């Protein structure tokens, strides 16, 4: 399940707001695990520090394929 906390995202451009709106629509759908991961990854791009979540995902992948 995707949790969207609007206040933690930077919505500096019109496109940012559009991305958030579309993620909110998708959050209400029954997504596959892969699609849910993709939406969560997209949401990280709206964060001020978007690099940390990407590093977390990469570290998890590295651990998985050791």
PDB file of N, CA and C in Angstrom:
ATOM      1  N   UNK A   1       0.842  -1.191   0.000  1.00  0.00           N
ATOM      2  CA  UNK A   1       0.000   0.000   0.000  1.00  0.00           C
ATOM      3  C   UNK A   1       0.879   1.243   0.000  1.00  0.00           C
ATOM      4  N   UNK A   2       0.513   2.178  -0.802  1.00  0.00           N
ATOM      5  CA  UNK A   2       1.283   3.416  -0.930  1.00  0.00           C
ATOM      6  C   UNK A   2       0.701   4.477  -0.009  1.00  0.00           C
ATOM      7  N   UNK A   3       1.570   5.059   0.824  1.00  0.00           N
ATOM      8  CA  UNK A   3       1.154   6.166   1.686  1.00  0.00           C
ATOM      9  C   UNK A   3       1.735   7.452   1.123  1.00  0.00           C
ATOM     10  N   UNK A   4       0.874   8.412   0.894  1.00  0.00           N
ATOM     11  CA  UNK A   4       1.330   9.684   0.346  1.00  0.00           C
ATOM     12  C   UNK A   4       1.101  10.777   1.381  1.00  0.00           C
ATOM     13  N   UNK A   5       2.219  11.355   1.832  1.00  0.00           N
ATOM     14  CA  UNK A   5       2.170  12.467   2.781  1.00  0.00           C
ATOM     15  C   UNK A   5       2.556  13.730   2.014  1.00  0.00           C
ATOM     16  N   UNK A   6       1.548  14.443   1.550  1.00  0.00           N
ATOM     17  CA  UNK A   6       1.757  15.587   0.662  1.00  0.00           C
ATOM     18  C   UNK A   6       2.744  16.615   1.201  1.00  0.00           C
ATOM     19  N   UNK A   7       2.734  16.836   2.502  1.00  0.00           N
ATOM     20  CA  UNK A   7       3.549  17.907   3.069  1.00  0.00           C
ATOM     21  C   UNK A   7       5.053  17.649   2.954  1.00  0.00           C
ATOM     22  N   UNK A   8       5.463  16.426   2.707  1.00  0.00           N
ATOM     23  CA  UNK A   8       6.900  16.160   2.638  1.00  0.00           C
ATOM     24  C   UNK A   8       7.466  16.313   1.230  1.00  0.00           C
ATOM     25  N   UNK A   9       6.615  16.586   0.253  1.00  0.00           N
ATOM     26  CA  UNK A   9       7.082  16.709  -1.130  1.00  0.00           C
ATOM     27  C   UNK A   9       7.201  18.156  -1.554  1.00  0.00           C
ATOM     28  N   UNK A  10       8.224  18.410  -2.354  1.00  0.00           N
ATOM     29  CA  UNK A  10       8.396  19.729  -2.938  1.00  0.00           C
ATOM     30  C   UNK A  10       7.612  19.774  -4.241  1.00  0.00           C
ATOM     31  N   UNK A  11       6.701  20.688  -4.308  1.00  0.00           N
ATOM     32  CA  UNK A  11       5.884  20.826  -5.516  1.00  0.00           C
ATOM     33  C   UNK A  11       6.157  22.194  -6.117  1.00  0.00           C
ATOM     34  N   UNK A  12       7.352  22.326  -6.688  1.00  0.00           N
ATOM     35  CA  UNK A  12       7.791  23.617  -7.182  1.00  0.00           C
ATOM     36  C   UNK A  12       7.248  23.946  -8.570  1.00  0.00           C
ATOM     37  N   UNK A  13       6.971  22.921  -9.331  1.00  0.00           N
ATOM     38  CA  UNK A  13       6.504  23.135 -10.698  1.00  0.00           C
ATOM     39  C   UNK A  13       5.133  22.496 -10.897  1.00  0.00           C
ATOM     40  N   UNK A  14       4.473  22.941 -11.940  1.00  0.00           N
ATOM     41  CA  UNK A  14       3.167  22.377 -12.279  1.00  0.00           C
ATOM     42  C   UNK A  14       3.284  20.870 -12.520  1.00  0.00           C
ATOM     43  N   UNK A  15       4.372  20.445 -13.130  1.00  0.00           N
ATOM     44  CA  UNK A  15       4.585  19.022 -13.399  1.00  0.00           C
ATOM     45  C   UNK A  15       4.702  18.218 -12.104  1.00  0.00           C
ATOM     46  N   UNK A  16       5.289  18.812 -11.069  1.00  0.00           N
ATOM     47  CA  UNK A  16       5.398  18.127  -9.776  1.00  0.00           C
ATOM     48  C   UNK A  16       4.017  17.828  -9.208  1.00  0.00           C
ATOM     49  N   UNK A  17       3.135  18.809  -9.304  1.00  0.00           N
ATOM     50  CA  UNK A  17       1.768  18.622  -8.824  1.00  0.00           C
ATOM     51  C   UNK A  17       1.044  17.556  -9.637  1.00  0.00           C
ATOM     52  N   UNK A  18       1.287  17.544 -10.940  1.00  0.00           N
ATOM     53  CA  UNK A  18       0.668  16.548 -11.801  1.00  0.00           C
ATOM     54  C   UNK A  18       1.174  15.136 -11.465  1.00  0.00           C
ATOM     55  N   UNK A  19       2.458  15.017 -11.205  1.00  0.00           N
ATOM     56  CA  UNK A  19       3.034  13.728 -10.811  1.00  0.00           C
ATOM     57  C   UNK A  19       2.397  13.245  -9.519  1.00  0.00           C
ATOM     58  N   UNK A  20       2.287  14.131  -8.540  1.00  0.00           N
ATOM     59  CA  UNK A  20       1.697  13.759  -7.255  1.00  0.00           C
ATOM     60  C   UNK A  20       0.240  13.337  -7.425  1.00  0.00           C
ATOM     61  N   UNK A  21      -0.518  14.072  -8.212  1.00  0.00           N
ATOM     62  CA  UNK A  21      -1.924  13.728  -8.446  1.00  0.00           C
ATOM     63  C   UNK A  21      -2.064  12.345  -9.076  1.00  0.00           C
ATOM     64  N   UNK A  22      -1.223  12.047 -10.036  1.00  0.00           N
ATOM     65  CA  UNK A  22      -1.299  10.746 -10.703  1.00  0.00           C
ATOM     66  C   UNK A  22      -0.873   9.620  -9.764  1.00  0.00           C
ATOM     67  N   UNK A  23       0.107   9.890  -8.919  1.00  0.00           N
ATOM     68  CA  UNK A  23       0.523   8.892  -7.925  1.00  0.00           C
ATOM     69  C   UNK A  23      -0.595   8.648  -6.915  1.00  0.00           C
ATOM     70  N   UNK A  24      -1.323   9.703  -6.555  1.00  0.00           N
ATOM     71  CA  UNK A  24      -2.456   9.547  -5.637  1.00  0.00           C
ATOM     72  C   UNK A  24      -3.541   8.670  -6.249  1.00  0.00           C
ATOM     73  N   UNK A  25      -3.801   8.862  -7.522  1.00  0.00           N
ATOM     74  CA  UNK A  25      -4.796   8.032  -8.212  1.00  0.00           C
ATOM     75  C   UNK A  25      -4.345   6.578  -8.208  1.00  0.00           C
ATOM     76  N   UNK A  26      -3.078   6.356  -8.518  1.00  0.00           N
ATOM     77  CA  UNK A  26      -2.557   4.996  -8.552  1.00  0.00           C
ATOM     78  C   UNK A  26      -2.502   4.360  -7.166  1.00  0.00           C
ATOM     79  N   UNK A  27      -2.328   5.171  -6.144  1.00  0.00           N
ATOM     80  CA  UNK A  27      -2.257   4.658  -4.769  1.00  0.00           C
ATOM     81  C   UNK A  27      -3.561   3.987  -4.356  1.00  0.00           C
ATOM     82  N   UNK A  28      -4.654   4.372  -4.972  1.00  0.00           N
ATOM     83  CA  UNK A  28      -5.961   3.786  -4.657  1.00  0.00           C
ATOM     84  C   UNK A  28      -6.252   2.510  -5.444  1.00  0.00           C
ATOM     85  N   UNK A  29      -5.361   2.149  -6.343  1.00  0.00           N
ATOM     86  CA  UNK A  29      -5.553   0.966  -7.180  1.00  0.00           C
ATOM     87  C   UNK A  29      -4.849  -0.245  -6.572  1.00  0.00           C
ATOM     88  N   UNK A  30      -5.241  -1.415  -7.016  1.00  0.00           N
ATOM     89  CA  UNK A  30      -4.575  -2.655  -6.620  1.00  0.00           C
ATOM     90  C   UNK A  30      -3.393  -2.864  -7.567  1.00  0.00           C
ATOM     91  N   UNK A  31      -2.239  -2.364  -7.174  1.00  0.00           N
ATOM     92  CA  UNK A  31      -1.060  -2.443  -8.022  1.00  0.00           C
ATOM     93  C   UNK A  31      -0.262  -3.708  -7.723  1.00  0.00           C
ATOM     94  N   UNK A  32       0.460  -4.163  -8.721  1.00  0.00           N
ATOM     95  CA  UNK A  32       1.409  -5.252  -8.480  1.00  0.00           C
ATOM     96  C   UNK A  32       2.537  -4.699  -7.606  1.00  0.00           C
ATOM     97  N   UNK A  33       3.302  -5.583  -7.010  1.00  0.00           N
ATOM     98  CA  UNK A  33       4.419  -5.141  -6.166  1.00  0.00           C
ATOM     99  C   UNK A  33       5.414  -4.314  -6.974  1.00  0.00           C
ATOM    100  N   UNK A  34       5.644  -4.710  -8.212  1.00  0.00           N
ATOM    101  CA  UNK A  34       6.581  -3.988  -9.072  1.00  0.00           C
ATOM    102  C   UNK A  34       6.075  -2.582  -9.381  1.00  0.00           C
ATOM    103  N   UNK A  35       4.777  -2.480  -9.695  1.00  0.00           N
ATOM    104  CA  UNK A  35       4.205  -1.167 -10.001  1.00  0.00           C
ATOM    105  C   UNK A  35       4.164  -0.278  -8.760  1.00  0.00           C
ATOM    106  N   UNK A  36       3.890  -0.873  -7.609  1.00  0.00           N
ATOM    107  CA  UNK A  36       3.901  -0.113  -6.358  1.00  0.00           C
ATOM    108  C   UNK A  36       5.305   0.412  -6.070  1.00  0.00           C
ATOM    109  N   UNK A  37       6.297  -0.400  -6.296  1.00  0.00           N
ATOM    110  CA  UNK A  37       7.685   0.032  -6.115  1.00  0.00           C
ATOM    111  C   UNK A  37       8.014   1.176  -7.055  1.00  0.00           C
ATOM    112  N   UNK A  38       7.547   1.081  -8.280  1.00  0.00           N
ATOM    113  CA  UNK A  38       7.790   2.136  -9.260  1.00  0.00           C
ATOM    114  C   UNK A  38       7.130   3.448  -8.843  1.00  0.00           C
ATOM    115  N   UNK A  39       5.900   3.406  -8.386  1.00  0.00           N
ATOM    116  CA  UNK A  39       5.217   4.625  -7.934  1.00  0.00           C
ATOM    117  C   UNK A  39       5.942   5.218  -6.731  1.00  0.00           C
ATOM    118  N   UNK A  40       6.350   4.373  -5.801  1.00  0.00           N
ATOM    119  CA  UNK A  40       7.103   4.872  -4.641  1.00  0.00           C
ATOM    120  C   UNK A  40       8.419   5.504  -5.063  1.00  0.00           C
ATOM    121  N   UNK A  41       9.080   4.908  -6.030  1.00  0.00           N
ATOM    122  CA  UNK A  41      10.332   5.464  -6.534  1.00  0.00           C
ATOM    123  C   UNK A  41      10.088   6.812  -7.203  1.00  0.00           C
ATOM    124  N   UNK A  42       9.011   6.910  -7.963  1.00  0.00           N
ATOM    125  CA  UNK A  42       8.659   8.188  -8.595  1.00  0.00           C
ATOM    126  C   UNK A  42       8.394   9.250  -7.539  1.00  0.00           C
ATOM    127  N   UNK A  43       7.706   8.875  -6.475  1.00  0.00           N
ATOM    128  CA  UNK A  43       7.430   9.835  -5.399  1.00  0.00           C
ATOM    129  C   UNK A  43       8.711  10.355  -4.751  1.00  0.00           C
ATOM    130  N   UNK A  44       9.736   9.520  -4.689  1.00  0.00           N
ATOM    131  CA  UNK A  44      10.993   9.991  -4.075  1.00  0.00           C
ATOM    132  C   UNK A  44      11.597  11.146  -4.846  1.00  0.00           C
ATOM    133  N   UNK A  45      11.275  11.235  -6.126  1.00  0.00           N
ATOM    134  CA  UNK A  45      11.831  12.312  -6.936  1.00  0.00           C
ATOM    135  C   UNK A  45      11.242  13.675  -6.584  1.00  0.00           C
ATOM    136  N   UNK A  46      10.164  13.676  -5.821  1.00  0.00           N
ATOM    137  CA  UNK A  46       9.551  14.927  -5.370  1.00  0.00           C
ATOM    138  C   UNK A  46      10.098  15.373  -4.012  1.00  0.00           C
ATOM    139  N   UNK A  47      10.971  14.572  -3.425  1.00  0.00           N
ATOM    140  CA  UNK A  47      11.561  14.908  -2.128  1.00  0.00           C
ATOM    141  C   UNK A  47      12.722  15.870  -2.304  1.00  0.00           C
ATOM    142  N   UNK A  48      12.982  16.660  -1.265  1.00  0.00           N
ATOM    143  CA  UNK A  48      14.137  17.550  -1.267  1.00  0.00           C
ATOM    144  C   UNK A  48      15.412  16.716  -1.385  1.00  0.00           C
ATOM    145  N   UNK A  49      15.521  15.669  -0.584  1.00  0.00           N
ATOM    146  CA  UNK A  49      16.675  14.771  -0.638  1.00  0.00           C
ATOM    147  C   UNK A  49      16.254  13.480  -1.323  1.00  0.00           C
ATOM    148  N   UNK A  50      16.194  13.507  -2.633  1.00  0.00           N
ATOM    149  CA  UNK A  50      15.742  12.354  -3.404  1.00  0.00           C
ATOM    150  C   UNK A  50      16.825  11.302  -3.563  1.00  0.00           C
ATOM    151  N   UNK A  51      18.049  11.643  -3.250  1.00  0.00           N
ATOM    152  CA  UNK A  51      19.142  10.691  -3.430  1.00  0.00           C
ATOM    153  C   UNK A  51      19.136   9.575  -2.389  1.00  0.00           C
ATOM    154  N   UNK A  52      18.768   9.895  -1.160  1.00  0.00           N
ATOM    155  CA  UNK A  52      18.778   8.897  -0.086  1.00  0.00           C
ATOM    156  C   UNK A  52      17.861   7.708  -0.387  1.00  0.00           C
ATOM    157  N   UNK A  53      16.614   7.927  -0.817  1.00  0.00           N
ATOM    158  CA  UNK A  53      15.767   6.778  -1.139  1.00  0.00           C
ATOM    159  C   UNK A  53      16.312   5.938  -2.303  1.00  0.00           C
ATOM    160  N   UNK A  54      16.932   6.604  -3.274  1.00  0.00           N
ATOM    161  CA  UNK A  54      17.515   5.852  -4.384  1.00  0.00           C
ATOM    162  C   UNK A  54      18.666   4.976  -3.900  1.00  0.00           C
ATOM    163  N   UNK A  55      19.472   5.522  -3.005  1.00  0.00           N
ATOM    164  CA  UNK A  55      20.561   4.729  -2.436  1.00  0.00           C
ATOM    165  C   UNK A  55      20.029   3.550  -1.635  1.00  0.00           C
ATOM    166  N   UNK A  56      18.934   3.749  -0.922  1.00  0.00           N
ATOM    167  CA  UNK A  56      18.318   2.645  -0.168  1.00  0.00           C
ATOM    168  C   UNK A  56      17.893   1.519  -1.109  1.00  0.00           C
ATOM    169  N   UNK A  57      17.266   1.876  -2.211  1.00  0.00           N
ATOM    170  CA  UNK A  57      16.825   0.872  -3.177  1.00  0.00           C
ATOM    171  C   UNK A  57      18.036   0.151  -3.771  1.00  0.00           C
ATOM    172  N   UNK A  58      19.046   0.907  -4.131  1.00  0.00           N
ATOM    173  CA  UNK A  58      20.248   0.292  -4.701  1.00  0.00           C
ATOM    174  C   UNK A  58      20.942  -0.624  -3.696  1.00  0.00           C
ATOM    175  N   UNK A  59      21.022  -0.195  -2.441  1.00  0.00           N
ATOM    176  CA  UNK A  59      21.632  -1.034  -1.415  1.00  0.00           C
ATOM    177  C   UNK A  59      20.841  -2.339  -1.211  1.00  0.00           C
ATOM    178  N   UNK A  60      19.532  -2.239  -1.249  1.00  0.00           N
ATOM    179  CA  UNK A  60      18.694  -3.446  -1.133  1.00  0.00           C
ATOM    180  C   UNK A  60      18.938  -4.390  -2.305  1.00  0.00           C
ATOM    181  N   UNK A  61      19.052  -3.846  -3.486  1.00  0.00           N
ATOM    182  CA  UNK A  61      19.328  -4.677  -4.658  1.00  0.00           C
ATOM    183  C   UNK A  61      20.703  -5.337  -4.563  1.00  0.00           C
ATOM    184  N   UNK A  62      21.696  -4.569  -4.113  1.00  0.00           N
ATOM    185  CA  UNK A  62      23.031  -5.141  -3.946  1.00  0.00           C
ATOM    186  C   UNK A  62      23.034  -6.281  -2.931  1.00  0.00           C
ATOM    187  N   UNK A  63      22.311  -6.079  -1.832  1.00  0.00           N
ATOM    188  CA  UNK A  63      22.205  -7.146  -0.822  1.00  0.00           C
ATOM    189  C   UNK A  63      21.500  -8.383  -1.386  1.00  0.00           C
ATOM    190  N   UNK A  64      20.471  -8.143  -2.176  1.00  0.00           N
ATOM    191  CA  UNK A  64      19.699  -9.234  -2.754  1.00  0.00           C
ATOM    192  C   UNK A  64      20.548 -10.092  -3.696  1.00  0.00           C
ATOM    193  N   UNK A  65      21.449  -9.467  -4.429  1.00  0.00           N
ATOM    194  CA  UNK A  65      22.205 -10.186  -5.445  1.00  0.00           C
ATOM    195  C   UNK A  65      23.655 -10.432  -5.060  1.00  0.00           C
ATOM    196  N   UNK A  66      23.941 -10.474  -3.759  1.00  0.00           N
ATOM    197  CA  UNK A  66      25.292 -10.824  -3.290  1.00  0.00           C
ATOM    198  C   UNK A  66      25.579 -12.269  -3.545  1.00  0.00           C
TER     199      UNK A  66
END
